[in-house]
Amino acid sequence: MKYLPAILSEDHPSLSATERAYAAIKRQIIELELEPGAHVTKSALERRAGASTMPVREALTRLQRDGLVQALPRSGYRVLPVTLKGTRDLCAFRRLLEVEAAGLAAELGCPAGDLARMEELLSVTYEAGDMVSVDAFLRANLEFDAIIANRCGNDMLAQSIVRAFDELERVLRITLASLPFSASSAHQRREILEAIRDRDPAAARAAMRARTQTSQDQIIDKLVSHASLAEVSIGLS
């Protein structure tokens, strides 16, 4: 695929020191090794990334643009927290983009190899709290959606969707730790696949709209159990 979410990206020898530092710190944020709201120093991030000062500084500039870290005057950096409002906004943004991408992918058609791979990915499940199985599920789930994004025929749309996946993955790692696997959500993903296979744009949009709305409802319900106020930061406790 041309556009890959971070969870599917691989380390290449051709990457610059800045790109390696950026990828390393970003993965630690997404995978919650650096917890939401955590305060870290640049020297600590240099050790974590195994990189020198300049690449880490440049990586942090990119991570600030991504909305993942915030520079603190004379006291390092803060990993930006997950909030209910931010999550609602992210889920709504994701829905707008993915609904259109599903319709376009159905209209243009997907190669048989992509359809077969999506069929395989539907079989992946997870056990709540088992982060090995959660990681495998996230890889499968995001690859499923990335295939659709890459087949929508619009590079800007595909890139926007894939970028949103990285922030969404962090939220999902928080919620899936205690959210049971949903058979109904799996059925909704199958409906998306079947609509794309049938070259039915209207059905693909409807199925993706239903699936992303269900996902948002499940995520928000689970996050609410972590907090009592709509704007509060969500931690891991």
Protein backbone atom coordinates (compact mmCIF):
# COMPACT_ATOMS: atom_id res chain seq x y z
CA MET A 1 0.00 0.00 0.00
CA LYS A 2 1.10 3.54 -0.71
CA TYR A 3 -0.13 5.00 2.59
CA LEU A 4 0.39 3.05 5.80
CA PRO A 5 -0.63 3.78 9.38
CA ALA A 6 2.28 3.83 11.82
CA ILE A 7 1.41 0.40 13.23
CA LEU A 8 2.09 -1.18 9.82
CA SER A 9 5.16 0.88 8.92
CA GLU A 10 8.57 -0.75 8.95
CA ASP A 11 11.98 0.66 9.78
CA HIS A 12 14.05 1.19 6.63
CA PRO A 13 17.81 1.79 6.44
CA SER A 14 17.15 4.80 4.22
CA LEU A 15 15.35 6.69 6.99
CA SER A 16 17.14 9.77 8.30
CA ALA A 17 18.09 10.13 11.97
CA THR A 18 15.20 12.57 12.41
CA GLU A 19 12.70 10.17 10.83
CA ARG A 20 13.92 7.36 13.07
CA ALA A 21 13.64 9.50 16.20
CA TYR A 22 10.20 10.69 15.15
CA ALA A 23 8.96 7.15 14.51
CA ALA A 24 10.42 5.83 17.78
CA ILE A 25 8.92 8.53 20.01
CA LYS A 26 5.60 8.47 18.16
CA ARG A 27 5.23 4.71 18.62
CA GLN A 28 5.98 5.03 22.33
CA ILE A 29 3.22 7.63 22.62
CA ILE A 30 0.72 5.62 20.57
CA GLU A 31 1.53 2.37 22.40
CA LEU A 32 1.16 4.18 25.75
CA GLU A 33 4.73 3.59 26.89
CA LEU A 34 4.68 7.36 27.24
CA GLU A 35 1.34 7.79 28.99
CA PRO A 36 -1.15 10.55 28.16
CA GLY A 37 -0.29 13.61 30.23
CA ALA A 38 3.23 12.41 31.06
CA HIS A 39 5.99 15.00 31.45
CA VAL A 40 9.31 14.13 29.80
CA THR A 41 12.61 15.90 29.26
CA LYS A 42 14.40 16.15 25.95
CA SER A 43 17.35 14.19 27.37
CA ALA A 44 15.01 11.38 28.42
CA LEU A 45 13.52 11.30 24.93
CA GLU A 46 17.01 11.18 23.43
CA ARG A 47 17.70 8.06 25.50
CA ARG A 48 14.35 6.52 24.59
CA ALA A 49 14.85 7.18 20.87
CA GLY A 50 18.55 6.29 20.89
CA ALA A 51 19.22 9.52 19.05
CA SER A 52 21.21 12.71 19.47
CA THR A 53 19.89 16.17 20.33
CA MET A 54 19.23 17.58 16.85
CA PRO A 55 17.16 14.66 15.45
CA VAL A 56 15.07 14.53 18.64
CA ARG A 57 14.51 18.29 18.55
CA GLU A 58 13.32 18.07 14.95
CA ALA A 59 11.17 15.04 15.76
CA LEU A 60 9.53 16.92 18.62
CA THR A 61 8.66 19.77 16.29
CA ARG A 62 6.82 17.28 14.08
CA LEU A 63 5.13 15.64 17.04
CA GLN A 64 3.87 19.04 18.19
CA ARG A 65 2.33 19.57 14.74
CA ASP A 66 0.74 16.12 15.06
CA GLY A 67 -0.91 17.21 18.32
CA LEU A 68 0.85 14.52 20.36
CA VAL A 69 3.23 16.60 22.49
CA GLN A 70 3.36 20.10 23.93
CA ALA A 71 6.49 22.08 24.75
CA LEU A 72 6.58 23.36 28.33
CA PRO A 73 8.61 26.49 29.18
CA ARG A 74 11.89 25.43 30.81
CA SER A 75 10.49 22.05 31.85
CA GLY A 76 10.57 19.74 28.85
CA TYR A 77 7.52 18.35 27.12
CA ARG A 78 4.12 16.95 27.95
CA VAL A 79 2.45 14.08 26.12
CA LEU A 80 -0.90 15.58 25.26
CA PRO A 81 -3.75 13.83 27.08
CA VAL A 82 -6.71 12.00 25.61
CA THR A 83 -9.94 13.90 26.28
CA LEU A 84 -13.57 13.04 25.66
CA LYS A 85 -14.09 16.09 23.45
CA GLY A 86 -10.94 15.39 21.47
CA THR A 87 -11.99 11.79 21.01
CA ARG A 88 -15.47 12.77 19.85
CA ASP A 89 -13.95 15.18 17.35
CA LEU A 90 -11.50 12.53 16.13
CA CYS A 91 -14.22 9.91 15.70
CA ALA A 92 -16.48 12.35 13.83
CA PHE A 93 -13.61 13.38 11.56
CA ARG A 94 -12.74 9.76 10.92
CA ARG A 95 -16.36 8.96 10.06
CA LEU A 96 -16.61 11.78 7.49
CA LEU A 97 -13.44 10.64 5.75
CA GLU A 98 -13.98 6.88 5.87
CA VAL A 99 -17.59 7.00 4.70
CA GLU A 100 -16.51 8.83 1.55
CA ALA A 101 -13.50 6.56 1.04
CA ALA A 102 -15.67 3.45 1.26
CA GLY A 103 -18.07 4.84 -1.34
CA LEU A 104 -15.25 5.74 -3.70
CA ALA A 105 -13.54 2.37 -3.24
CA ALA A 106 -16.82 0.62 -4.10
CA GLU A 107 -17.29 2.84 -7.13
CA LEU A 108 -13.76 2.27 -8.43
CA GLY A 109 -13.57 -1.37 -7.38
CA CYS A 110 -10.89 -3.21 -5.41
CA PRO A 111 -8.55 -5.86 -6.87
CA ALA A 112 -9.33 -9.45 -5.97
CA GLY A 113 -6.15 -9.67 -3.90
CA ASP A 114 -7.22 -6.77 -1.71
CA LEU A 115 -10.69 -8.26 -1.22
CA ALA A 116 -9.18 -11.61 -0.27
CA ARG A 117 -6.84 -9.94 2.21
CA MET A 118 -9.74 -8.01 3.78
CA GLU A 119 -11.60 -11.31 4.15
CA GLU A 120 -8.62 -12.77 6.03
CA LEU A 121 -8.39 -9.75 8.32
CA LEU A 122 -12.02 -10.15 9.40
CA SER A 123 -11.11 -13.37 11.22
CA VAL A 124 -8.80 -11.63 13.73
CA THR A 125 -10.28 -11.16 17.22
CA TYR A 126 -8.88 -10.24 20.62
CA GLU A 127 -9.27 -10.84 24.34
CA ALA A 128 -9.87 -7.74 26.45
CA GLY A 129 -6.80 -7.05 28.58
CA ASP A 130 -4.53 -9.32 26.53
CA MET A 131 -2.39 -6.68 24.85
CA VAL A 132 -0.72 -9.19 22.51
CA SER A 133 -4.08 -10.11 21.00
CA VAL A 134 -5.19 -6.45 21.12
CA ASP A 135 -2.09 -5.49 19.14
CA ALA A 136 -2.81 -8.16 16.53
CA PHE A 137 -6.41 -7.00 16.27
CA LEU A 138 -5.38 -3.37 15.87
CA ARG A 139 -2.97 -4.29 13.11
CA ALA A 140 -5.70 -6.23 11.30
CA ASN A 141 -8.40 -3.64 11.88
CA LEU A 142 -6.28 -0.72 10.70
CA GLU A 143 -4.95 -2.65 7.72
CA PHE A 144 -8.55 -3.42 6.70
CA ASP A 145 -9.40 0.28 6.74
CA ALA A 146 -6.09 1.29 5.15
CA ILE A 147 -6.80 -0.95 2.15
CA ILE A 148 -10.07 0.91 1.63
CA ALA A 149 -8.37 4.29 2.02
CA ASN A 150 -5.68 3.37 -0.47
CA ARG A 151 -8.31 2.26 -3.01
CA CYS A 152 -10.44 5.41 -2.83
CA GLY A 153 -8.59 7.06 -5.73
CA ASN A 154 -7.91 10.29 -3.83
CA ASP A 155 -4.40 10.63 -2.39
CA MET A 156 -5.23 13.55 -0.08
CA LEU A 157 -8.20 11.68 1.37
CA ALA A 158 -6.14 8.51 1.85
CA GLN A 159 -3.33 10.39 3.59
CA SER A 160 -5.76 12.18 5.92
CA ILE A 161 -7.40 8.90 6.91
CA VAL A 162 -4.09 7.17 7.61
CA ARG A 163 -2.87 10.09 9.72
CA ALA A 164 -6.07 9.94 11.77
CA PHE A 165 -5.48 6.23 12.40
CA ASP A 166 -2.34 6.95 14.42
CA GLU A 167 -4.20 9.13 16.92
CA LEU A 168 -7.14 6.72 16.90
CA GLU A 169 -4.83 3.80 17.69
CA ARG A 170 -3.76 5.47 20.94
CA VAL A 171 -7.41 5.84 22.00
CA LEU A 172 -8.17 2.25 21.04
CA ARG A 173 -5.28 0.95 23.12
CA ILE A 174 -6.85 2.61 26.14
CA THR A 175 -10.38 1.34 25.49
CA LEU A 176 -9.67 -2.19 24.21
CA ALA A 177 -7.83 -3.04 27.41
CA SER A 178 -11.25 -3.53 29.01
CA LEU A 179 -13.71 -3.55 26.09
CA PRO A 180 -14.85 -7.05 25.02
CA PHE A 181 -14.61 -8.03 21.37
CA SER A 182 -17.82 -7.11 19.56
CA ALA A 183 -19.25 -9.67 17.13
CA SER A 184 -21.70 -7.05 15.86
CA SER A 185 -18.83 -4.74 14.93
CA ALA A 186 -17.20 -7.59 13.03
CA HIS A 187 -20.47 -8.10 11.17
CA GLN A 188 -20.52 -4.42 10.24
CA ARG A 189 -17.01 -4.69 8.79
CA ARG A 190 -18.19 -7.65 6.72
CA GLU A 191 -21.06 -5.55 5.37
CA ILE A 192 -18.53 -2.94 4.25
CA LEU A 193 -16.47 -5.61 2.49
CA GLU A 194 -19.49 -7.08 0.75
CA ALA A 195 -20.69 -3.66 -0.43
CA ILE A 196 -17.26 -2.88 -1.89
CA ARG A 197 -17.10 -6.32 -3.50
CA ASP A 198 -20.57 -5.72 -5.02
CA ARG A 199 -19.46 -2.28 -6.34
CA ASP A 200 -22.33 -0.63 -4.44
CA PRO A 201 -21.20 2.86 -3.30
CA ALA A 202 -24.41 3.71 -1.45
CA ALA A 203 -24.33 0.48 0.54
CA ALA A 204 -20.61 0.91 1.26
CA ARG A 205 -21.17 4.42 2.61
CA ALA A 206 -24.11 3.28 4.72
CA ALA A 207 -22.20 0.32 6.12
CA MET A 208 -19.13 2.43 6.94
CA ARG A 209 -21.30 5.11 8.54
CA ALA A 210 -22.94 2.51 10.78
CA ARG A 211 -19.64 0.88 11.65
CA THR A 212 -17.83 4.12 12.55
CA GLN A 213 -20.81 5.36 14.59
CA THR A 214 -20.88 2.11 16.55
CA SER A 215 -17.14 2.39 17.12
CA GLN A 216 -17.51 5.95 18.37
CA ASP A 217 -20.31 4.98 20.76
CA GLN A 218 -18.27 2.12 22.20
CA ILE A 219 -15.14 4.24 22.59
CA ILE A 220 -16.94 7.16 24.26
CA ASP A 221 -18.90 4.88 26.60
CA LYS A 222 -15.68 3.24 27.72
CA LEU A 223 -13.82 6.52 28.16
CA VAL A 224 -16.66 7.95 30.21
CA SER A 225 -16.01 5.21 32.74
CA HIS A 226 -12.53 6.73 33.17
CA ALA A 227 -13.79 10.25 33.80
CA SER A 228 -16.70 12.24 35.20
CA LEU A 229 -16.33 15.43 33.18
CA ALA A 230 -16.54 15.82 29.43
CA GLU A 231 -13.29 17.80 29.10
CA VAL A 232 -11.19 15.85 31.59
CA SER A 233 -8.00 14.11 30.55
CA ILE A 234 -8.13 10.33 30.32
CA GLY A 235 -5.39 8.39 32.06
CA LEU A 236 -4.55 4.71 32.26
CA SER A 237 -5.57 4.03 35.86
